[in-house]
Amino acid sequence: MLPKPCPALIPRIPSRFSTTLAVLLPALLLFGGCQSHPSPTVTRSTKVVPAPPAKKPAVAPAPVKAPAAAEALLVVLSDSSSAYGRLVEIIRTRSDRETTILSLDTPLPGEHSLASQLQASQGPVIAIGIEAANFLAAQASQRDIVFALVFNHRDHRLLAQGMIGISMLPPPEQVLRLFKAISPQVTTLVLPVSPDLASYAALARTEASKLGLSLDTPEIGNDKELLLLTRKLDPAIRGLWLLPDNRVVSKDSLQQIMAGSVKNGRQTIVFSPTLFPLGGLLSAEYDEEATVVTILEAITASAEHRRKLRGQLLRPRASRLTLNPGMVETLGLTVPPQFRPLLQVDR
């Protein structure tokens, strides 16, 4: 819009110039305007646009460490007989690791050979049986070797060489508790042991005292000493406990010892149901399931913990107990209800 003209500044002009002035006046006003009243300045409003928020520097996600692959498991058997079959099958079933089974009596060629497998694997090795344990003993200084089903390991100094052992002997507390339950009238037992089982004998005496039993643990070194000991036992001693020991107990000795026990009405704890026909009352032997649990606990422990276990003999927490129903009847014993499932001979 044009500014309104100021009347005081417009002179009176003759009429003859009115037409010309009417044409020129708008142009003059447009470019000159009114000097005493300047046109107001129009200021454009400036829109303030806030700066975009500063972006935080991107933080790289923490690297996720992939879990280490479980070490493969190598099991070496003394031989491929059925004696180790059940134990091996339980290991296969319970272990979540890739498991390779090799036997000393069935060598394989090339990359499948025992030497190649030992070189290729870095994890711990399980030795089943004395031959396998002896074969692997030389490697115990370089890797973790766990042996099982080896009774006379002291003769071969397996623990002294740094191996980890699994005991074949039953937990004495379980054996004595069952014996007391079925034979409450017997308060004294004899457990003949070889000198290298002194620690087990001490543990058994401690457990017996907790149950109110008296346990004598005389040392014997051979079959002749064992036979002489059992023949001279006081008739008042009604309990005898025999442990497996291939250096002491021979077949002939067992037959004579068991015959004497039956004759004297002695209640005998044996180490296998195969001795029930000879007069054994209670069989206490190693349990495959408990043995495998103990093996795998050692195998799956950290490398640092396994190093601490080297040279130790680990004891499974359970044994396999069986009662001879024939001798229970012959001796007139009563089996408490909770132990009646043990009254079976067939394995």
Protein backbone atom coordinates (compact mmCIF):
# COMPACT_ATOMS: atom_id res chain seq x y z
CA MET A 1 0.00 0.00 0.00
CA LEU A 2 1.33 3.48 -0.90
CA PRO A 3 1.83 6.04 1.88
CA LYS A 4 -0.83 8.71 2.25
CA PRO A 5 0.33 12.14 0.86
CA CYS A 6 0.96 15.02 3.27
CA PRO A 7 -1.47 17.96 2.44
CA ALA A 8 0.86 20.65 3.83
CA LEU A 9 3.52 19.83 1.28
CA ILE A 10 1.29 19.91 -1.79
CA PRO A 11 1.35 23.45 -3.39
CA ARG A 12 -1.53 24.90 -5.18
CA ILE A 13 -0.96 24.27 -8.82
CA PRO A 14 -2.70 25.95 -11.72
CA SER A 15 -5.38 23.94 -13.34
CA ARG A 16 -3.58 23.64 -16.59
CA PHE A 17 -0.97 21.59 -14.91
CA SER A 18 -3.47 19.41 -13.06
CA THR A 19 -3.56 16.71 -15.64
CA THR A 20 0.19 16.45 -15.81
CA LEU A 21 0.49 16.52 -12.07
CA ALA A 22 -2.10 13.81 -11.66
CA VAL A 23 0.10 11.58 -13.74
CA LEU A 24 3.42 12.43 -12.08
CA LEU A 25 2.32 12.66 -8.45
CA PRO A 26 1.98 8.94 -7.77
CA ALA A 27 5.48 8.34 -9.12
CA LEU A 28 6.98 11.14 -7.02
CA LEU A 29 5.29 9.92 -3.93
CA LEU A 30 6.46 6.42 -4.64
CA PHE A 31 10.15 7.35 -4.86
CA GLY A 32 10.30 10.41 -2.55
CA GLY A 33 7.57 9.94 -0.02
CA CYS A 34 7.10 12.36 2.85
CA GLN A 35 10.44 13.63 4.21
CA SER A 36 9.23 14.60 7.68
CA HIS A 37 7.43 11.27 8.23
CA PRO A 38 9.57 8.45 6.86
CA SER A 39 7.99 5.18 5.94
CA PRO A 40 8.08 2.64 8.78
CA THR A 41 10.67 -0.09 8.45
CA VAL A 42 9.22 -3.54 8.03
CA THR A 43 11.29 -6.10 9.88
CA ARG A 44 10.90 -9.67 8.84
CA SER A 45 10.53 -12.04 11.76
CA THR A 46 13.27 -14.60 11.93
CA LYS A 47 12.23 -18.07 12.86
CA VAL A 48 14.77 -19.66 15.20
CA VAL A 49 15.27 -23.26 14.28
CA PRO A 50 16.85 -25.18 17.14
CA ALA A 51 19.93 -27.17 16.27
CA PRO A 52 19.34 -30.89 16.09
CA PRO A 53 20.40 -32.70 19.25
CA ALA A 54 23.92 -33.92 19.11
CA LYS A 55 24.05 -37.60 18.47
CA LYS A 56 25.80 -39.67 21.08
CA PRO A 57 28.72 -41.54 19.64
CA ALA A 58 27.73 -45.07 18.84
CA VAL A 59 28.95 -47.54 21.44
CA ALA A 60 30.13 -50.81 20.02
CA PRO A 61 28.45 -53.76 21.73
CA ALA A 62 30.65 -55.74 24.06
CA PRO A 63 32.01 -58.78 22.27
CA VAL A 64 30.22 -61.97 23.25
CA LYS A 65 32.67 -64.69 24.00
CA ALA A 66 31.56 -67.93 22.46
CA PRO A 67 31.44 -70.76 25.00
CA ALA A 68 34.42 -73.04 24.75
CA ALA A 69 33.66 -76.33 23.14
CA ALA A 70 33.60 -79.20 25.60
CA GLU A 71 36.69 -81.32 25.47
CA ALA A 72 36.21 -84.65 23.74
CA LEU A 73 36.30 -87.69 25.97
CA LEU A 74 38.64 -90.59 25.30
CA VAL A 75 38.07 -93.91 27.12
CA VAL A 76 40.73 -96.64 26.99
CA LEU A 77 39.77 -100.19 28.02
CA SER A 78 42.15 -102.91 29.15
CA ASP A 79 40.26 -105.29 26.87
CA SER A 80 37.00 -105.51 25.00
CA SER A 81 35.41 -108.11 27.26
CA SER A 82 31.92 -107.71 28.63
CA ALA A 83 33.35 -106.97 32.09
CA TYR A 84 33.62 -103.31 31.13
CA GLY A 85 30.60 -103.17 28.81
CA ARG A 86 28.02 -101.84 31.25
CA LEU A 87 30.36 -99.19 32.62
CA VAL A 88 31.22 -97.96 29.13
CA GLU A 89 27.56 -97.81 28.12
CA ILE A 90 26.72 -95.71 31.18
CA ILE A 91 29.59 -93.35 30.34
CA ARG A 92 28.26 -92.97 26.78
CA THR A 93 24.74 -92.28 28.06
CA ARG A 94 25.59 -89.84 30.82
CA SER A 95 28.36 -87.86 29.15
CA ASP A 96 27.36 -84.88 27.00
CA ARG A 97 30.70 -84.93 25.22
CA GLU A 98 31.88 -86.63 22.11
CA THR A 99 33.17 -89.95 23.39
CA THR A 100 35.65 -92.30 21.75
CA ILE A 101 36.11 -95.84 23.10
CA LEU A 102 39.33 -97.72 22.35
CA SER A 103 40.56 -101.06 23.64
CA LEU A 104 44.13 -102.26 24.03
CA ASP A 105 43.31 -105.70 22.61
CA THR A 106 41.75 -104.35 19.40
CA PRO A 107 44.29 -101.91 17.90
CA LEU A 108 43.13 -99.71 15.04
CA PRO A 109 45.28 -98.42 12.16
CA GLY A 110 46.25 -94.91 11.14
CA GLU A 111 44.41 -91.92 12.51
CA HIS A 112 42.11 -94.20 14.49
CA SER A 113 44.96 -95.75 16.47
CA LEU A 114 45.31 -95.08 20.17
CA ALA A 115 48.57 -93.17 19.68
CA SER A 116 46.93 -90.90 17.07
CA GLN A 117 43.84 -90.34 19.21
CA LEU A 118 45.95 -89.43 22.23
CA GLN A 119 47.95 -86.98 20.15
CA ALA A 120 44.86 -85.42 18.57
CA SER A 121 42.90 -84.96 21.79
CA GLN A 122 43.85 -82.57 24.55
CA GLY A 123 41.22 -83.41 27.14
CA PRO A 124 41.29 -85.87 30.03
CA VAL A 125 41.42 -89.62 29.46
CA ILE A 126 39.60 -92.42 31.31
CA ALA A 127 41.46 -95.70 31.85
CA ILE A 128 39.31 -98.73 32.67
CA GLY A 129 41.19 -101.69 34.15
CA ILE A 130 44.75 -102.12 35.35
CA GLU A 131 46.31 -102.70 31.91
CA ALA A 132 44.84 -99.47 30.54
CA ALA A 133 45.89 -97.56 33.64
CA ASN A 134 49.46 -98.84 33.39
CA PHE A 135 49.57 -98.04 29.68
CA LEU A 136 48.53 -94.41 30.28
CA ALA A 137 50.44 -93.82 33.50
CA ALA A 138 53.40 -92.28 31.65
CA GLN A 139 51.11 -89.52 30.34
CA ALA A 140 49.84 -88.51 33.79
CA SER A 141 52.47 -85.78 34.08
CA GLN A 142 51.17 -84.11 30.91
CA ARG A 143 47.40 -84.57 31.09
CA ASP A 144 44.63 -85.72 33.41
CA ILE A 145 44.20 -89.50 33.55
CA VAL A 146 41.32 -90.96 35.58
CA PHE A 147 41.43 -94.69 36.29
CA ALA A 148 38.59 -96.95 37.42
CA LEU A 149 38.00 -100.66 38.14
CA VAL A 150 41.55 -100.99 39.44
CA PHE A 151 41.79 -102.58 42.87
CA ASN A 152 45.51 -103.00 43.46
CA HIS A 153 46.53 -99.58 42.18
CA ARG A 154 49.05 -99.16 45.01
CA ASP A 155 51.19 -101.97 43.63
CA HIS A 156 51.66 -99.93 40.46
CA ARG A 157 52.00 -96.52 42.16
CA LEU A 158 49.32 -95.02 39.93
CA LEU A 159 48.40 -92.25 42.36
CA ALA A 160 52.05 -91.47 43.00
CA GLN A 161 52.43 -90.83 39.26
CA GLY A 162 49.72 -88.17 39.37
CA MET A 163 46.67 -90.10 38.18
CA ILE A 164 43.17 -89.59 39.62
CA GLY A 165 41.69 -92.82 40.99
CA ILE A 166 38.13 -94.04 41.53
CA SER A 167 37.82 -96.51 44.41
CA MET A 168 36.34 -99.97 43.85
CA LEU A 169 35.51 -100.44 47.52
CA PRO A 170 31.99 -99.79 48.82
CA PRO A 171 31.27 -96.94 51.23
CA PRO A 172 31.61 -98.69 54.62
CA GLU A 173 28.75 -96.78 56.23
CA GLN A 174 26.20 -98.22 53.77
CA VAL A 175 27.46 -101.77 54.20
CA LEU A 176 27.52 -101.67 58.00
CA ARG A 177 24.12 -99.99 58.25
CA LEU A 178 22.51 -102.78 56.21
CA PHE A 179 24.35 -105.46 58.17
CA LYS A 180 23.15 -104.03 61.47
CA ALA A 181 19.57 -103.76 60.17
CA ILE A 182 19.36 -107.47 59.31
CA SER A 183 21.64 -108.74 62.12
CA PRO A 184 20.98 -106.49 65.12
CA GLN A 185 22.23 -109.17 67.51
CA VAL A 186 25.75 -109.09 66.02
CA THR A 187 27.84 -106.30 67.49
CA THR A 188 31.39 -107.39 66.57
CA LEU A 189 32.85 -107.95 63.10
CA VAL A 190 36.27 -108.71 61.67
CA LEU A 191 37.54 -107.07 58.49
CA PRO A 192 40.92 -108.53 57.40
CA VAL A 193 42.83 -106.02 55.27
CA SER A 194 46.16 -105.88 53.49
CA PRO A 195 48.59 -103.18 54.73
CA ASP A 196 47.89 -100.81 51.84
CA LEU A 197 44.21 -100.59 52.84
CA ALA A 198 44.97 -99.01 56.20
CA SER A 199 43.13 -95.79 55.30
CA TYR A 200 39.99 -97.70 54.30
CA ALA A 201 40.19 -99.76 57.49
CA ALA A 202 40.37 -96.57 59.57
CA LEU A 203 37.31 -95.15 57.77
CA ALA A 204 35.39 -98.39 58.32
CA ARG A 205 36.20 -98.41 62.05
CA THR A 206 34.97 -94.85 62.38
CA GLU A 207 31.69 -95.63 60.63
CA ALA A 208 31.21 -98.79 62.70
CA SER A 209 31.61 -96.89 65.97
CA LYS A 210 28.90 -94.44 64.87
CA LEU A 211 26.53 -97.40 64.55
CA GLY A 212 27.51 -98.92 67.87
CA LEU A 213 29.50 -101.73 66.25
CA SER A 214 32.97 -102.98 67.07
CA LEU A 215 35.08 -103.56 63.95
CA ASP A 216 38.46 -105.27 64.19
CA THR A 217 40.74 -104.77 61.17
CA PRO A 218 43.75 -107.13 61.44
CA GLU A 219 46.38 -106.91 58.70
CA ILE A 220 47.06 -109.94 56.51
CA GLY A 221 49.52 -110.29 53.65
CA ASN A 222 48.60 -113.54 51.91
CA ASP A 223 46.11 -116.40 51.70
CA LYS A 224 47.86 -118.44 54.36
CA GLU A 225 47.59 -115.62 56.89
CA LEU A 226 43.94 -115.07 56.04
CA LEU A 227 43.05 -118.74 56.45
CA LEU A 228 44.86 -118.93 59.76
CA LEU A 229 43.13 -115.81 61.00
CA THR A 230 39.62 -117.01 60.18
CA ARG A 231 40.24 -120.43 61.73
CA LYS A 232 41.35 -118.86 64.99
CA LEU A 233 38.47 -116.41 65.29
CA ASP A 234 36.66 -116.46 68.60
CA PRO A 235 33.28 -118.20 68.15
CA ALA A 236 31.71 -115.17 69.80
CA ILE A 237 32.63 -113.11 66.74
CA ARG A 238 29.62 -113.64 64.52
CA GLY A 239 30.46 -111.27 61.67
CA LEU A 240 33.13 -111.49 58.96
CA TRP A 241 33.69 -109.01 56.12
CA LEU A 242 35.80 -110.02 53.11
CA LEU A 243 37.16 -107.43 50.67
CA PRO A 244 38.26 -108.19 47.10
CA ASP A 245 42.02 -108.60 46.81
CA ASN A 246 43.51 -110.71 44.05
CA ARG A 247 46.83 -110.82 45.89
CA VAL A 248 45.29 -112.40 48.99
CA VAL A 249 42.02 -114.14 48.20
CA SER A 250 42.28 -117.09 45.85
CA LYS A 251 39.45 -119.39 44.83
CA ASP A 252 40.64 -122.25 47.01
CA SER A 253 41.10 -119.98 50.01
CA LEU A 254 37.63 -118.54 49.58
CA GLN A 255 36.03 -121.95 49.52
CA GLN A 256 37.75 -122.94 52.78
CA ILE A 257 36.99 -119.64 54.49
CA MET A 258 33.33 -119.73 53.49
CA ALA A 259 32.96 -123.36 54.55
CA GLY A 260 34.29 -122.47 57.99
CA SER A 261 31.92 -119.52 58.26
CA VAL A 262 28.87 -121.64 57.44
CA LYS A 263 29.98 -124.29 59.92
CA ASN A 264 30.27 -121.73 62.72
CA GLY A 265 27.09 -119.90 61.79
CA ARG A 266 29.07 -116.77 60.99
CA GLN A 267 27.37 -114.04 58.97
CA THR A 268 29.69 -113.11 56.13
CA ILE A 269 29.82 -110.01 53.98
CA VAL A 270 31.30 -110.86 50.57
CA PHE A 271 32.28 -108.84 47.51
CA SER A 272 30.13 -110.54 44.87
CA PRO A 273 26.80 -112.42 44.68
CA THR A 274 28.75 -115.22 42.98
CA LEU A 275 29.81 -116.17 46.51
CA PHE A 276 26.23 -116.66 47.71
CA PRO A 277 26.28 -120.40 46.90
CA LEU A 278 29.26 -120.69 49.28
CA GLY A 279 27.33 -119.11 52.14
CA GLY A 280 27.66 -115.36 51.71
CA LEU A 281 24.91 -113.37 53.42
CA LEU A 282 25.43 -109.87 52.03
CA SER A 283 27.26 -108.80 48.88
CA ALA A 284 28.84 -105.32 48.82
CA GLU A 285 30.51 -104.32 45.56
CA TYR A 286 31.16 -101.27 43.48
CA ASP A 287 28.17 -99.72 41.73
CA GLU A 288 28.55 -98.86 38.04
CA GLU A 289 26.19 -95.87 38.15
CA ALA A 290 27.88 -94.33 41.20
CA THR A 291 31.30 -95.03 39.69
CA VAL A 292 30.43 -93.24 36.44
CA VAL A 293 29.00 -90.27 38.34
CA THR A 294 32.28 -89.92 40.22
CA ILE A 295 34.32 -90.30 37.01
CA LEU A 296 32.34 -87.60 35.20
CA GLU A 297 32.50 -85.25 38.18
CA ALA A 298 36.28 -85.42 37.97
CA ILE A 299 36.33 -85.14 34.16
CA THR A 300 34.00 -82.12 33.99
CA ALA A 301 35.73 -80.22 36.78
CA SER A 302 37.81 -77.22 35.80
CA ALA A 303 41.39 -77.85 34.74
CA GLU A 304 42.57 -76.13 37.91
CA HIS A 305 40.42 -78.36 40.11
CA ARG A 306 41.55 -81.49 38.25
CA ARG A 307 45.14 -80.57 38.98
CA LYS A 308 44.25 -80.57 42.67
CA LEU A 309 42.68 -84.03 42.32
CA ARG A 310 45.83 -85.59 40.91
CA GLY A 311 47.18 -88.24 43.24
CA GLN A 312 43.85 -88.68 45.04
CA LEU A 313 41.52 -91.67 45.28
CA LEU A 314 37.88 -90.59 44.96
CA ARG A 315 35.18 -92.67 46.62
CA PRO A 316 31.78 -93.16 44.93
CA ARG A 317 28.86 -92.28 47.20
CA ALA A 318 27.00 -95.58 46.74
CA SER A 319 27.64 -99.29 46.44
CA ARG A 320 25.67 -102.19 45.03
CA LEU A 321 24.21 -104.23 47.87
CA THR A 322 22.48 -107.60 47.51
CA LEU A 323 21.08 -110.00 50.11
CA ASN A 324 21.13 -113.79 49.84
CA PRO A 325 17.55 -114.93 50.57
CA GLY A 326 18.75 -118.51 51.21
CA MET A 327 21.13 -117.48 53.99
CA VAL A 328 18.60 -115.04 55.41
CA GLU A 329 16.22 -117.96 55.84
CA THR A 330 18.90 -120.35 57.10
CA LEU A 331 20.07 -117.91 59.76
CA GLY A 332 16.51 -117.00 60.75
CA LEU A 333 17.00 -113.29 60.05
CA THR A 334 14.37 -110.65 59.40
CA VAL A 335 14.85 -108.11 56.64
CA PRO A 336 13.22 -104.70 57.27
CA PRO A 337 10.73 -103.63 54.56
CA GLN A 338 12.98 -100.90 53.14
CA PHE A 339 15.71 -103.47 52.39
CA ARG A 340 13.55 -106.24 50.93
CA PRO A 341 14.15 -105.12 47.33
CA LEU A 342 17.77 -106.22 47.89
CA LEU A 343 16.64 -109.84 48.29
CA GLN A 344 17.54 -110.99 44.81
CA VAL A 345 20.29 -113.04 43.32
CA ASP A 346 19.72 -112.71 39.58
CA ARG A 347 21.71 -109.80 38.14
